[in-house]
Each structure stands twice: as structure tokens, then as C-alpha cells.
């Protein structure tokens, strides 16, 4: 029964991660209406047309390329346009950002929740060595019960969601 719930939780987290990644990728906008000479932002069709132009005789290639010398005989620097990406350009929603941050926070909250639960169990059982916290556990230590594992997973999940939402609010 525990494995069925764990499998369901894993699949739902995987689905949420995939949904977040897909919406982040689709949020990046491109503007194909503005022509550019930048080889990093050209489409495959533009590059194919340039290849066909370059396969023509040398005289037409020289006519198609812009001259790099000014009229007085000195060379002028060629302008380089680097592709730009700004976070403000994306259409990422607050929900998606919170979800991505929550997924990133989850391993840390899971570890610290387990550590705090270990310490609280150790104190609740009068500091018995069979309930020693994580770095001092031995092969004879008492393992977490199923309900304690679900509590640990639930607290870690809720805490990571809260931290993800707070991270989105701060940004």
C-alpha cells in the first residue's frame, strides 16, 4: 500500500515538473518578423539560402556581401549583435515559478524535516540510544513507521511549496 502511494506521488511530481518545464520553454518568445544578419538567430531556411548564394560564382558573392571598407580606405568595425535573453522577456507565470522553486527546495526540506523528526523522536523517548538521530544511528536503531514517513513527506512538501511561493514573492 505504501508503494502505491509513493508511486502515485512520484508520478504526480514528475508530471508537475514536466508541465513546469514545458510552460517555461513555451514562454520564451521569438520574433521572426524582424530580419537579421546575425548567424546565431537565423532560421534554417535563411542559412540554406545563404549556402545557395555562396555556391554561386565569386562575382555575385562579392556583390551580396557588404563592404568592410569605408570610402576613405580605412576599415570600419563590423557590428556584432549577440542574442539577448532577459528574464523579463519571458511570460512565466507566478504559479510556474513557484512550482520550479518548490521542486528545487524539496530535497533540502526533506533532509531537514527528517533531521528534526529524528531529534524530536530522540527527545520523546527519553534520549534512548535506539532512537538516536541520524548521524548516530546504528543497525539496531528503530526505523520510522509508515505514518512517520508520510508525516515527513507531507511536512517537506508543504514547506517546499511555502518556500517556493515566498521565493516568487521576493523576486
Protein backbone atom coordinates (compact mmCIF):
# COMPACT_ATOMS: atom_id res chain seq x y z
CA UNK A 1 0.00 0.00 0.00
CA UNK A 2 2.85 2.37 0.83
CA UNK A 3 4.47 1.68 -2.56
CA UNK A 4 1.26 2.52 -4.40
CA UNK A 5 1.09 5.93 -2.69
CA UNK A 6 4.78 6.54 -3.28
CA UNK A 7 4.40 5.65 -6.96
CA UNK A 8 1.40 7.96 -7.28
CA UNK A 9 3.27 10.79 -5.58
CA UNK A 10 6.33 10.27 -7.78
CA UNK A 11 4.24 10.29 -10.97
CA UNK A 12 2.39 13.45 -9.92
CA UNK A 13 5.68 15.22 -9.12
CA UNK A 14 7.11 14.08 -12.45
CA UNK A 15 4.02 15.38 -14.25
CA UNK A 16 4.22 18.71 -12.43
CA UNK A 17 7.91 19.04 -13.27
CA UNK A 18 7.25 18.24 -16.94
CA UNK A 19 4.39 20.72 -17.04
CA UNK A 20 6.57 23.42 -15.49
CA UNK A 21 9.44 22.75 -17.89
CA UNK A 22 7.14 22.75 -20.92
CA UNK A 23 5.47 26.01 -19.98
CA UNK A 24 8.85 27.63 -19.31
CA UNK A 25 10.11 26.61 -22.75
CA UNK A 26 6.93 27.78 -24.47
CA UNK A 27 7.12 31.10 -22.64
CA UNK A 28 10.28 32.13 -24.47
CA UNK A 29 9.17 34.34 -27.27
CA UNK A 30 10.82 34.70 -30.64
CA UNK A 31 10.21 37.45 -33.16
CA UNK A 32 10.72 36.07 -36.69
CA UNK A 33 9.26 39.23 -38.29
CA UNK A 34 12.50 41.20 -37.90
CA UNK A 35 15.19 40.13 -40.35
CA UNK A 36 18.70 39.90 -39.02
CA UNK A 37 22.18 39.14 -40.30
CA UNK A 38 23.19 37.51 -37.04
CA UNK A 39 24.14 33.86 -37.71
CA UNK A 40 23.06 32.85 -34.19
CA UNK A 41 19.44 33.89 -34.70
CA UNK A 42 18.92 32.85 -38.32
CA UNK A 43 16.47 30.14 -39.17
CA UNK A 44 17.41 27.05 -41.14
CA UNK A 45 15.73 28.46 -44.27
CA UNK A 46 17.82 31.63 -44.04
CA UNK A 47 21.00 29.61 -43.66
CA UNK A 48 20.08 27.38 -46.62
CA UNK A 49 19.50 30.43 -48.81
CA UNK A 50 22.89 31.78 -47.80
CA UNK A 51 24.53 28.47 -48.67
CA UNK A 52 22.91 28.54 -52.12
CA UNK A 53 24.04 32.14 -52.58
CA UNK A 54 27.58 31.21 -51.59
CA UNK A 55 27.67 28.39 -54.13
CA UNK A 56 27.24 30.90 -57.00
CA UNK A 57 30.26 32.37 -58.80
CA UNK A 58 32.62 34.62 -56.88
CA UNK A 59 31.46 37.85 -58.52
CA UNK A 60 27.91 37.52 -57.20
CA UNK A 61 29.15 36.55 -53.75
CA UNK A 62 31.24 39.70 -53.61
CA UNK A 63 28.20 41.75 -54.63
CA UNK A 64 25.97 40.23 -51.92
CA UNK A 65 28.41 40.81 -49.06
CA UNK A 66 28.60 44.30 -47.52
CA UNK A 67 31.90 46.07 -47.97
CA UNK A 68 34.02 46.39 -44.86
CA UNK A 69 35.99 49.42 -46.06
CA UNK A 70 34.83 52.98 -45.91
CA UNK A 71 35.23 55.32 -48.85
CA UNK A 72 38.46 56.80 -47.46
CA UNK A 73 40.16 53.39 -47.45
CA UNK A 74 40.09 52.62 -43.72
CA UNK A 75 38.36 49.60 -42.30
CA UNK A 76 35.40 50.09 -40.04
CA UNK A 77 34.50 47.61 -37.34
CA UNK A 78 31.74 45.16 -38.14
CA UNK A 79 28.75 45.33 -35.84
CA UNK A 80 28.13 42.21 -33.80
CA UNK A 81 24.63 41.60 -32.47
CA UNK A 82 24.61 39.00 -29.73
CA UNK A 83 21.40 37.14 -28.93
CA UNK A 84 19.84 38.52 -25.81
CA UNK A 85 17.68 36.82 -23.24
CA UNK A 86 16.17 38.62 -20.34
CA UNK A 87 14.07 37.14 -17.57
CA UNK A 88 11.57 39.96 -18.00
CA UNK A 89 11.03 38.87 -21.65
CA UNK A 90 9.53 35.54 -20.63
CA UNK A 91 5.85 35.11 -19.91
CA UNK A 92 6.45 32.83 -16.93
CA UNK A 93 3.53 32.81 -14.54
CA UNK A 94 3.79 33.07 -10.80
CA UNK A 95 2.47 29.52 -10.42
CA UNK A 96 5.15 28.03 -12.69
CA UNK A 97 7.96 29.92 -10.96
CA UNK A 98 6.66 28.81 -7.55
CA UNK A 99 6.47 25.21 -8.75
CA UNK A 100 10.02 25.22 -10.11
CA UNK A 101 11.40 26.77 -6.93
CA UNK A 102 9.44 24.27 -4.82
CA UNK A 103 10.93 21.35 -6.71
CA UNK A 104 14.37 22.80 -6.07
CA UNK A 105 13.68 23.31 -2.36
CA UNK A 106 12.23 19.83 -1.81
CA UNK A 107 15.47 17.84 -1.23
CA UNK A 108 16.64 20.35 1.36
CA UNK A 109 13.32 20.48 3.20
CA UNK A 110 13.10 16.67 3.13
CA UNK A 111 16.56 16.33 4.71
CA UNK A 112 15.96 18.93 7.42
CA UNK A 113 12.47 17.61 8.18
CA UNK A 114 13.90 14.13 8.70
CA UNK A 115 16.65 15.51 10.91
CA UNK A 116 14.16 17.46 13.05
CA UNK A 117 11.85 14.44 13.32
CA UNK A 118 14.84 12.30 14.40
CA UNK A 119 15.74 14.76 17.14
CA UNK A 120 12.12 15.06 18.32
CA UNK A 121 11.73 11.24 18.47
CA UNK A 122 15.01 11.01 20.38
CA UNK A 123 13.78 13.56 22.94
CA UNK A 124 10.29 11.99 23.15
CA UNK A 125 11.75 8.59 24.05
CA UNK A 126 13.87 9.96 26.92
CA UNK A 127 17.08 10.09 24.85
CA UNK A 128 17.17 6.33 24.33
CA UNK A 129 20.10 5.26 22.14
CA UNK A 130 17.80 3.13 19.99
CA UNK A 131 16.13 6.38 18.85
CA UNK A 132 19.37 8.31 18.24
CA UNK A 133 19.21 10.93 15.46
CA UNK A 134 20.70 10.45 12.02
CA UNK A 135 24.47 10.78 12.38
CA UNK A 136 24.45 8.45 15.41
CA UNK A 137 22.08 5.75 14.11
CA UNK A 138 23.25 2.18 14.19
CA UNK A 139 21.91 -1.07 12.82
CA UNK A 140 19.87 -1.51 15.99
CA UNK A 141 18.11 1.86 15.78
CA UNK A 142 14.33 1.99 15.46
CA UNK A 143 13.22 2.87 11.92
CA UNK A 144 10.49 5.34 11.04
CA UNK A 145 6.97 3.93 10.89
CA UNK A 146 4.80 4.36 7.81
CA UNK A 147 2.83 7.17 9.42
CA UNK A 148 6.05 8.97 10.40
CA UNK A 149 7.32 8.66 6.83
CA UNK A 150 4.10 10.19 5.49
CA UNK A 151 4.34 12.98 8.06
CA UNK A 152 7.93 13.62 6.99
CA UNK A 153 6.96 13.66 3.31
CA UNK A 154 3.95 15.91 3.91
CA UNK A 155 5.84 18.44 6.03
CA UNK A 156 8.69 18.56 3.49
CA UNK A 157 6.25 19.04 0.59
CA UNK A 158 4.28 21.82 2.26
CA UNK A 159 7.44 23.55 3.44
CA UNK A 160 8.97 23.46 -0.03
CA UNK A 161 5.75 24.87 -1.53
CA UNK A 162 5.77 27.69 1.03
CA UNK A 163 9.44 28.46 0.32
CA UNK A 164 8.76 28.38 -3.45
CA UNK A 165 5.88 30.82 -3.08
CA UNK A 166 7.95 33.10 -0.83
CA UNK A 167 10.81 32.98 -3.33
CA UNK A 168 8.43 34.06 -6.07
CA UNK A 169 7.11 36.90 -3.94
CA UNK A 170 10.62 38.14 -3.14
CA UNK A 171 11.69 38.13 -6.78
